[in-house]
Amino acid sequence: MDHDTEDLVVQLSTRIGMIMEDTSMLALTVRGMDPVGRRAALRKIEQAAGRIHALVAAANALKS
């Protein structure tokens, strides 16, 4: 893997970590939410999971 590709994989991984960090705070607050807030939070968590999945797929494609 060349240096530029390696740097891009690191950047993607860093972004994944940032999304996970932000989402974990939301996930930890679900317990105290009303049902409407909980549904909204779960949608946001699901969207974050989708973004993480896409970024992991991109990083995996680059390392091949």
PDB file of N, CA and C in Angstrom:
ATOM      1  N   MET A   1       0.855  -1.173   0.000  1.00  0.00           N
ATOM      2  CA  MET A   1       0.000   0.000   0.000  1.00  0.00           C
ATOM      3  C   MET A   1       0.900   1.234   0.000  1.00  0.00           C
ATOM      4  N   ASP A   2       0.640   2.153  -0.935  1.00  0.00           N
ATOM      5  CA  ASP A   2       1.470   3.349  -0.976  1.00  0.00           C
ATOM      6  C   ASP A   2       1.078   4.315   0.149  1.00  0.00           C
ATOM      7  N   HIS A   3       1.918   5.304   0.355  1.00  0.00           N
ATOM      8  CA  HIS A   3       1.735   6.236   1.474  1.00  0.00           C
ATOM      9  C   HIS A   3       0.410   6.989   1.394  1.00  0.00           C
ATOM     10  N   ASP A   4       0.034   7.448   0.211  1.00  0.00           N
ATOM     11  CA  ASP A   4      -1.223   8.203   0.063  1.00  0.00           C
ATOM     12  C   ASP A   4      -2.438   7.335   0.396  1.00  0.00           C
ATOM     13  N   THR A   5      -2.409   6.102  -0.056  1.00  0.00           N
ATOM     14  CA  THR A   5      -3.518   5.179   0.230  1.00  0.00           C
ATOM     15  C   THR A   5      -3.578   4.878   1.722  1.00  0.00           C
ATOM     16  N   GLU A   6      -2.420   4.642   2.312  1.00  0.00           N
ATOM     17  CA  GLU A   6      -2.368   4.382   3.750  1.00  0.00           C
ATOM     18  C   GLU A   6      -2.913   5.572   4.531  1.00  0.00           C
ATOM     19  N   ASP A   7      -2.557   6.779   4.105  1.00  0.00           N
ATOM     20  CA  ASP A   7      -3.049   7.994   4.761  1.00  0.00           C
ATOM     21  C   ASP A   7      -4.569   8.095   4.646  1.00  0.00           C
ATOM     22  N   LEU A   8      -5.100   7.759   3.490  1.00  0.00           N
ATOM     23  CA  LEU A   8      -6.550   7.811   3.303  1.00  0.00           C
ATOM     24  C   LEU A   8      -7.259   6.788   4.191  1.00  0.00           C
ATOM     25  N   VAL A   9      -6.703   5.597   4.318  1.00  0.00           N
ATOM     26  CA  VAL A   9      -7.287   4.575   5.199  1.00  0.00           C
ATOM     27  C   VAL A   9      -7.277   5.071   6.643  1.00  0.00           C
ATOM     28  N   VAL A  10      -6.206   5.711   7.044  1.00  0.00           N
ATOM     29  CA  VAL A  10      -6.119   6.265   8.398  1.00  0.00           C
ATOM     30  C   VAL A  10      -7.173   7.354   8.593  1.00  0.00           C
ATOM     31  N   GLN A  11      -7.347   8.216   7.601  1.00  0.00           N
ATOM     32  CA  GLN A  11      -8.361   9.261   7.688  1.00  0.00           C
ATOM     33  C   GLN A  11      -9.764   8.681   7.791  1.00  0.00           C
ATOM     34  N   LEU A  12     -10.043   7.666   6.990  1.00  0.00           N
ATOM     35  CA  LEU A  12     -11.356   7.005   7.059  1.00  0.00           C
ATOM     36  C   LEU A  12     -11.558   6.375   8.432  1.00  0.00           C
ATOM     37  N   SER A  13     -10.541   5.734   8.948  1.00  0.00           N
ATOM     38  CA  SER A  13     -10.633   5.104  10.271  1.00  0.00           C
ATOM     39  C   SER A  13     -10.849   6.137  11.366  1.00  0.00           C
ATOM     40  N   THR A  14     -10.184   7.276  11.228  1.00  0.00           N
ATOM     41  CA  THR A  14     -10.366   8.351  12.202  1.00  0.00           C
ATOM     42  C   THR A  14     -11.805   8.852  12.175  1.00  0.00           C
ATOM     43  N   ARG A  15     -12.348   9.012  10.987  1.00  0.00           N
ATOM     44  CA  ARG A  15     -13.740   9.471  10.861  1.00  0.00           C
ATOM     45  C   ARG A  15     -14.691   8.444  11.464  1.00  0.00           C
ATOM     46  N   ILE A  16     -14.414   7.172  11.258  1.00  0.00           N
ATOM     47  CA  ILE A  16     -15.229   6.114  11.860  1.00  0.00           C
ATOM     48  C   ILE A  16     -15.220   6.259  13.378  1.00  0.00           C
ATOM     49  N   GLY A  17     -14.052   6.459  13.940  1.00  0.00           N
ATOM     50  CA  GLY A  17     -13.936   6.627  15.388  1.00  0.00           C
ATOM     51  C   GLY A  17     -14.703   7.834  15.893  1.00  0.00           C
ATOM     52  N   MET A  18     -14.674   8.926  15.137  1.00  0.00           N
ATOM     53  CA  MET A  18     -15.402  10.133  15.535  1.00  0.00           C
ATOM     54  C   MET A  18     -16.906   9.892  15.531  1.00  0.00           C
ATOM     55  N   ILE A  19     -17.392   9.213  14.499  1.00  0.00           N
ATOM     56  CA  ILE A  19     -18.824   8.891  14.432  1.00  0.00           C
ATOM     57  C   ILE A  19     -19.212   7.990  15.594  1.00  0.00           C
ATOM     58  N   MET A  20     -18.379   6.997  15.871  1.00  0.00           N
ATOM     59  CA  MET A  20     -18.668   6.076  16.969  1.00  0.00           C
ATOM     60  C   MET A  20     -18.712   6.814  18.301  1.00  0.00           C
ATOM     61  N   GLU A  21     -17.784   7.725  18.496  1.00  0.00           N
ATOM     62  CA  GLU A  21     -17.745   8.483  19.746  1.00  0.00           C
ATOM     63  C   GLU A  21     -19.015   9.325  19.914  1.00  0.00           C
ATOM     64  N   ASP A  22     -19.380  10.053  18.864  1.00  0.00           N
ATOM     65  CA  ASP A  22     -20.587  10.881  18.924  1.00  0.00           C
ATOM     66  C   ASP A  22     -21.835  10.036  19.146  1.00  0.00           C
ATOM     67  N   THR A  23     -21.904   8.914  18.459  1.00  0.00           N
ATOM     68  CA  THR A  23     -23.078   8.055  18.547  1.00  0.00           C
ATOM     69  C   THR A  23     -23.176   7.358  19.897  1.00  0.00           C
ATOM     70  N   SER A  24     -22.047   7.044  20.488  1.00  0.00           N
ATOM     71  CA  SER A  24     -22.087   6.366  21.788  1.00  0.00           C
ATOM     72  C   SER A  24     -22.743   7.251  22.845  1.00  0.00           C
ATOM     73  N   MET A  25     -22.482   8.547  22.775  1.00  0.00           N
ATOM     74  CA  MET A  25     -23.117   9.456  23.738  1.00  0.00           C
ATOM     75  C   MET A  25     -24.635   9.456  23.560  1.00  0.00           C
ATOM     76  N   LEU A  26     -25.089   9.442  22.324  1.00  0.00           N
ATOM     77  CA  LEU A  26     -26.523   9.385  22.055  1.00  0.00           C
ATOM     78  C   LEU A  26     -27.098   8.058  22.563  1.00  0.00           C
ATOM     79  N   ALA A  27     -26.411   6.966  22.276  1.00  0.00           N
ATOM     80  CA  ALA A  27     -26.897   5.649  22.685  1.00  0.00           C
ATOM     81  C   ALA A  27     -27.006   5.540  24.205  1.00  0.00           C
ATOM     82  N   LEU A  28     -26.094   6.173  24.914  1.00  0.00           N
ATOM     83  CA  LEU A  28     -26.118   6.100  26.373  1.00  0.00           C
ATOM     84  C   LEU A  28     -27.253   6.907  26.990  1.00  0.00           C
ATOM     85  N   THR A  29     -27.838   7.817  26.227  1.00  0.00           N
ATOM     86  CA  THR A  29     -28.929   8.636  26.765  1.00  0.00           C
ATOM     87  C   THR A  29     -30.314   8.120  26.399  1.00  0.00           C
ATOM     88  N   VAL A  30     -30.397   7.060  25.621  1.00  0.00           N
ATOM     89  CA  VAL A  30     -31.687   6.525  25.174  1.00  0.00           C
ATOM     90  C   VAL A  30     -32.570   6.128  26.357  1.00  0.00           C
ATOM     91  N   ARG A  31     -31.973   5.632  27.393  1.00  0.00           N
ATOM     92  CA  ARG A  31     -32.737   5.138  28.541  1.00  0.00           C
ATOM     93  C   ARG A  31     -33.689   6.191  29.115  1.00  0.00           C
ATOM     94  N   GLY A  32     -33.261   7.420  29.188  1.00  0.00           N
ATOM     95  CA  GLY A  32     -34.077   8.455  29.800  1.00  0.00           C
ATOM     96  C   GLY A  32     -35.019   9.171  28.853  1.00  0.00           C
ATOM     97  N   MET A  33     -35.100   8.716  27.624  1.00  0.00           N
ATOM     98  CA  MET A  33     -35.929   9.407  26.629  1.00  0.00           C
ATOM     99  C   MET A  33     -37.359   8.912  26.628  1.00  0.00           C
ATOM    100  N   ASP A  34     -38.249   9.807  26.208  1.00  0.00           N
ATOM    101  CA  ASP A  34     -39.626   9.379  25.981  1.00  0.00           C
ATOM    102  C   ASP A  34     -39.653   8.570  24.681  1.00  0.00           C
ATOM    103  N   PRO A  35     -40.758   7.867  24.412  1.00  0.00           N
ATOM    104  CA  PRO A  35     -40.806   6.995  23.230  1.00  0.00           C
ATOM    105  C   PRO A  35     -40.509   7.719  21.907  1.00  0.00           C
ATOM    106  N   VAL A  36     -40.991   8.933  21.757  1.00  0.00           N
ATOM    107  CA  VAL A  36     -40.748   9.668  20.513  1.00  0.00           C
ATOM    108  C   VAL A  36     -39.267  10.016  20.385  1.00  0.00           C
ATOM    109  N   GLY A  37     -38.683  10.491  21.457  1.00  0.00           N
ATOM    110  CA  GLY A  37     -37.254  10.802  21.460  1.00  0.00           C
ATOM    111  C   GLY A  37     -36.415   9.570  21.236  1.00  0.00           C
ATOM    112  N   ARG A  38     -36.838   8.462  21.810  1.00  0.00           N
ATOM    113  CA  ARG A  38     -36.101   7.202  21.656  1.00  0.00           C
ATOM    114  C   ARG A  38     -36.116   6.749  20.194  1.00  0.00           C
ATOM    115  N   ARG A  39     -37.276   6.852  19.552  1.00  0.00           N
ATOM    116  CA  ARG A  39     -37.361   6.470  18.136  1.00  0.00           C
ATOM    117  C   ARG A  39     -36.451   7.350  17.285  1.00  0.00           C
ATOM    118  N   ALA A  40     -36.451   8.642  17.560  1.00  0.00           N
ATOM    119  CA  ALA A  40     -35.589   9.566  16.813  1.00  0.00           C
ATOM    120  C   ALA A  40     -34.115   9.241  17.045  1.00  0.00           C
ATOM    121  N   ALA A  41     -33.766   8.960  18.283  1.00  0.00           N
ATOM    122  CA  ALA A  41     -32.383   8.615  18.606  1.00  0.00           C
ATOM    123  C   ALA A  41     -31.963   7.333  17.910  1.00  0.00           C
ATOM    124  N   LEU A  42     -32.842   6.349  17.893  1.00  0.00           N
ATOM    125  CA  LEU A  42     -32.521   5.083  17.240  1.00  0.00           C
ATOM    126  C   LEU A  42     -32.350   5.264  15.739  1.00  0.00           C
ATOM    127  N   ARG A  43     -33.128   6.163  15.130  1.00  0.00           N
ATOM    128  CA  ARG A  43     -32.936   6.466  13.709  1.00  0.00           C
ATOM    129  C   ARG A  43     -31.559   7.086  13.477  1.00  0.00           C
ATOM    130  N   LYS A  44     -31.157   8.002  14.356  1.00  0.00           N
ATOM    131  CA  LYS A  44     -29.836   8.618  14.228  1.00  0.00           C
ATOM    132  C   LYS A  44     -28.726   7.587  14.406  1.00  0.00           C
ATOM    133  N   ILE A  45     -28.913   6.681  15.343  1.00  0.00           N
ATOM    134  CA  ILE A  45     -27.924   5.620  15.564  1.00  0.00           C
ATOM    135  C   ILE A  45     -27.846   4.717  14.332  1.00  0.00           C
ATOM    136  N   GLU A  46     -28.986   4.404  13.768  1.00  0.00           N
ATOM    137  CA  GLU A  46     -29.018   3.571  12.563  1.00  0.00           C
ATOM    138  C   GLU A  46     -28.312   4.279  11.394  1.00  0.00           C
ATOM    139  N   GLN A  47     -28.547   5.569  11.238  1.00  0.00           N
ATOM    140  CA  GLN A  47     -27.882   6.336  10.183  1.00  0.00           C
ATOM    141  C   GLN A  47     -26.370   6.347  10.397  1.00  0.00           C
ATOM    142  N   ALA A  48     -25.952   6.513  11.626  1.00  0.00           N
ATOM    143  CA  ALA A  48     -24.518   6.512  11.938  1.00  0.00           C
ATOM    144  C   ALA A  48     -23.910   5.151  11.608  1.00  0.00           C
ATOM    145  N   ALA A  49     -24.631   4.092  11.925  1.00  0.00           N
ATOM    146  CA  ALA A  49     -24.144   2.745  11.618  1.00  0.00           C
ATOM    147  C   ALA A  49     -23.983   2.569  10.110  1.00  0.00           C
ATOM    148  N   GLY A  50     -24.899   3.123   9.348  1.00  0.00           N
ATOM    149  CA  GLY A  50     -24.793   3.062   7.887  1.00  0.00           C
ATOM    150  C   GLY A  50     -23.581   3.815   7.368  1.00  0.00           C
ATOM    151  N   ARG A  51     -23.318   4.989   7.942  1.00  0.00           N
ATOM    152  CA  ARG A  51     -22.141   5.757   7.540  1.00  0.00           C
ATOM    153  C   ARG A  51     -20.863   4.997   7.895  1.00  0.00           C
ATOM    154  N   ILE A  52     -20.846   4.408   9.082  1.00  0.00           N
ATOM    155  CA  ILE A  52     -19.679   3.620   9.501  1.00  0.00           C
ATOM    156  C   ILE A  52     -19.467   2.457   8.538  1.00  0.00           C
ATOM    157  N   HIS A  53     -20.527   1.774   8.200  1.00  0.00           N
ATOM    158  CA  HIS A  53     -20.436   0.635   7.278  1.00  0.00           C
ATOM    159  C   HIS A  53     -19.839   1.079   5.933  1.00  0.00           C
ATOM    160  N   ALA A  54     -20.312   2.208   5.411  1.00  0.00           N
ATOM    161  CA  ALA A  54     -19.809   2.708   4.130  1.00  0.00           C
ATOM    162  C   ALA A  54     -18.329   3.078   4.216  1.00  0.00           C
ATOM    163  N   LEU A  55     -17.927   3.697   5.313  1.00  0.00           N
ATOM    164  CA  LEU A  55     -16.527   4.083   5.477  1.00  0.00           C
ATOM    165  C   LEU A  55     -15.625   2.859   5.622  1.00  0.00           C
ATOM    166  N   VAL A  56     -16.084   1.854   6.334  1.00  0.00           N
ATOM    167  CA  VAL A  56     -15.302   0.610   6.465  1.00  0.00           C
ATOM    168  C   VAL A  56     -15.173  -0.069   5.096  1.00  0.00           C
ATOM    169  N   ALA A  57     -16.251  -0.080   4.329  1.00  0.00           N
ATOM    170  CA  ALA A  57     -16.197  -0.682   2.998  1.00  0.00           C
ATOM    171  C   ALA A  57     -15.197   0.065   2.112  1.00  0.00           C
ATOM    172  N   ALA A  58     -15.189   1.385   2.206  1.00  0.00           N
ATOM    173  CA  ALA A  58     -14.238   2.175   1.425  1.00  0.00           C
ATOM    174  C   ALA A  58     -12.805   1.880   1.845  1.00  0.00           C
ATOM    175  N   ALA A  59     -12.566   1.811   3.141  1.00  0.00           N
ATOM    176  CA  ALA A  59     -11.217   1.517   3.628  1.00  0.00           C
ATOM    177  C   ALA A  59     -10.777   0.121   3.178  1.00  0.00           C
ATOM    178  N   ASN A  60     -11.684  -0.830   3.230  1.00  0.00           N
ATOM    179  CA  ASN A  60     -11.349  -2.193   2.793  1.00  0.00           C
ATOM    180  C   ASN A  60     -11.061  -2.230   1.303  1.00  0.00           C
ATOM    181  N   ALA A  61     -11.795  -1.451   0.520  1.00  0.00           N
ATOM    182  CA  ALA A  61     -11.557  -1.422  -0.927  1.00  0.00           C
ATOM    183  C   ALA A  61     -10.175  -0.840  -1.237  1.00  0.00           C
ATOM    184  N   LEU A  62      -9.741   0.102  -0.455  1.00  0.00           N
ATOM    185  CA  LEU A  62      -8.449   0.735  -0.685  1.00  0.00           C
ATOM    186  C   LEU A  62      -7.278  -0.178  -0.346  1.00  0.00           C
ATOM    187  N   LYS A  63      -7.455  -1.012   0.650  1.00  0.00           N
ATOM    188  CA  LYS A  63      -6.329  -1.853   1.072  1.00  0.00           C
ATOM    189  C   LYS A  63      -6.113  -3.064   0.165  1.00  0.00           C
ATOM    190  N   SER A  64      -7.063  -3.312  -0.705  1.00  0.00           N
ATOM    191  CA  SER A  64      -6.948  -4.467  -1.610  1.00  0.00           C
ATOM    192  C   SER A  64      -5.953  -4.212  -2.720  1.00  0.00           C
TER     193      SER A  64
END
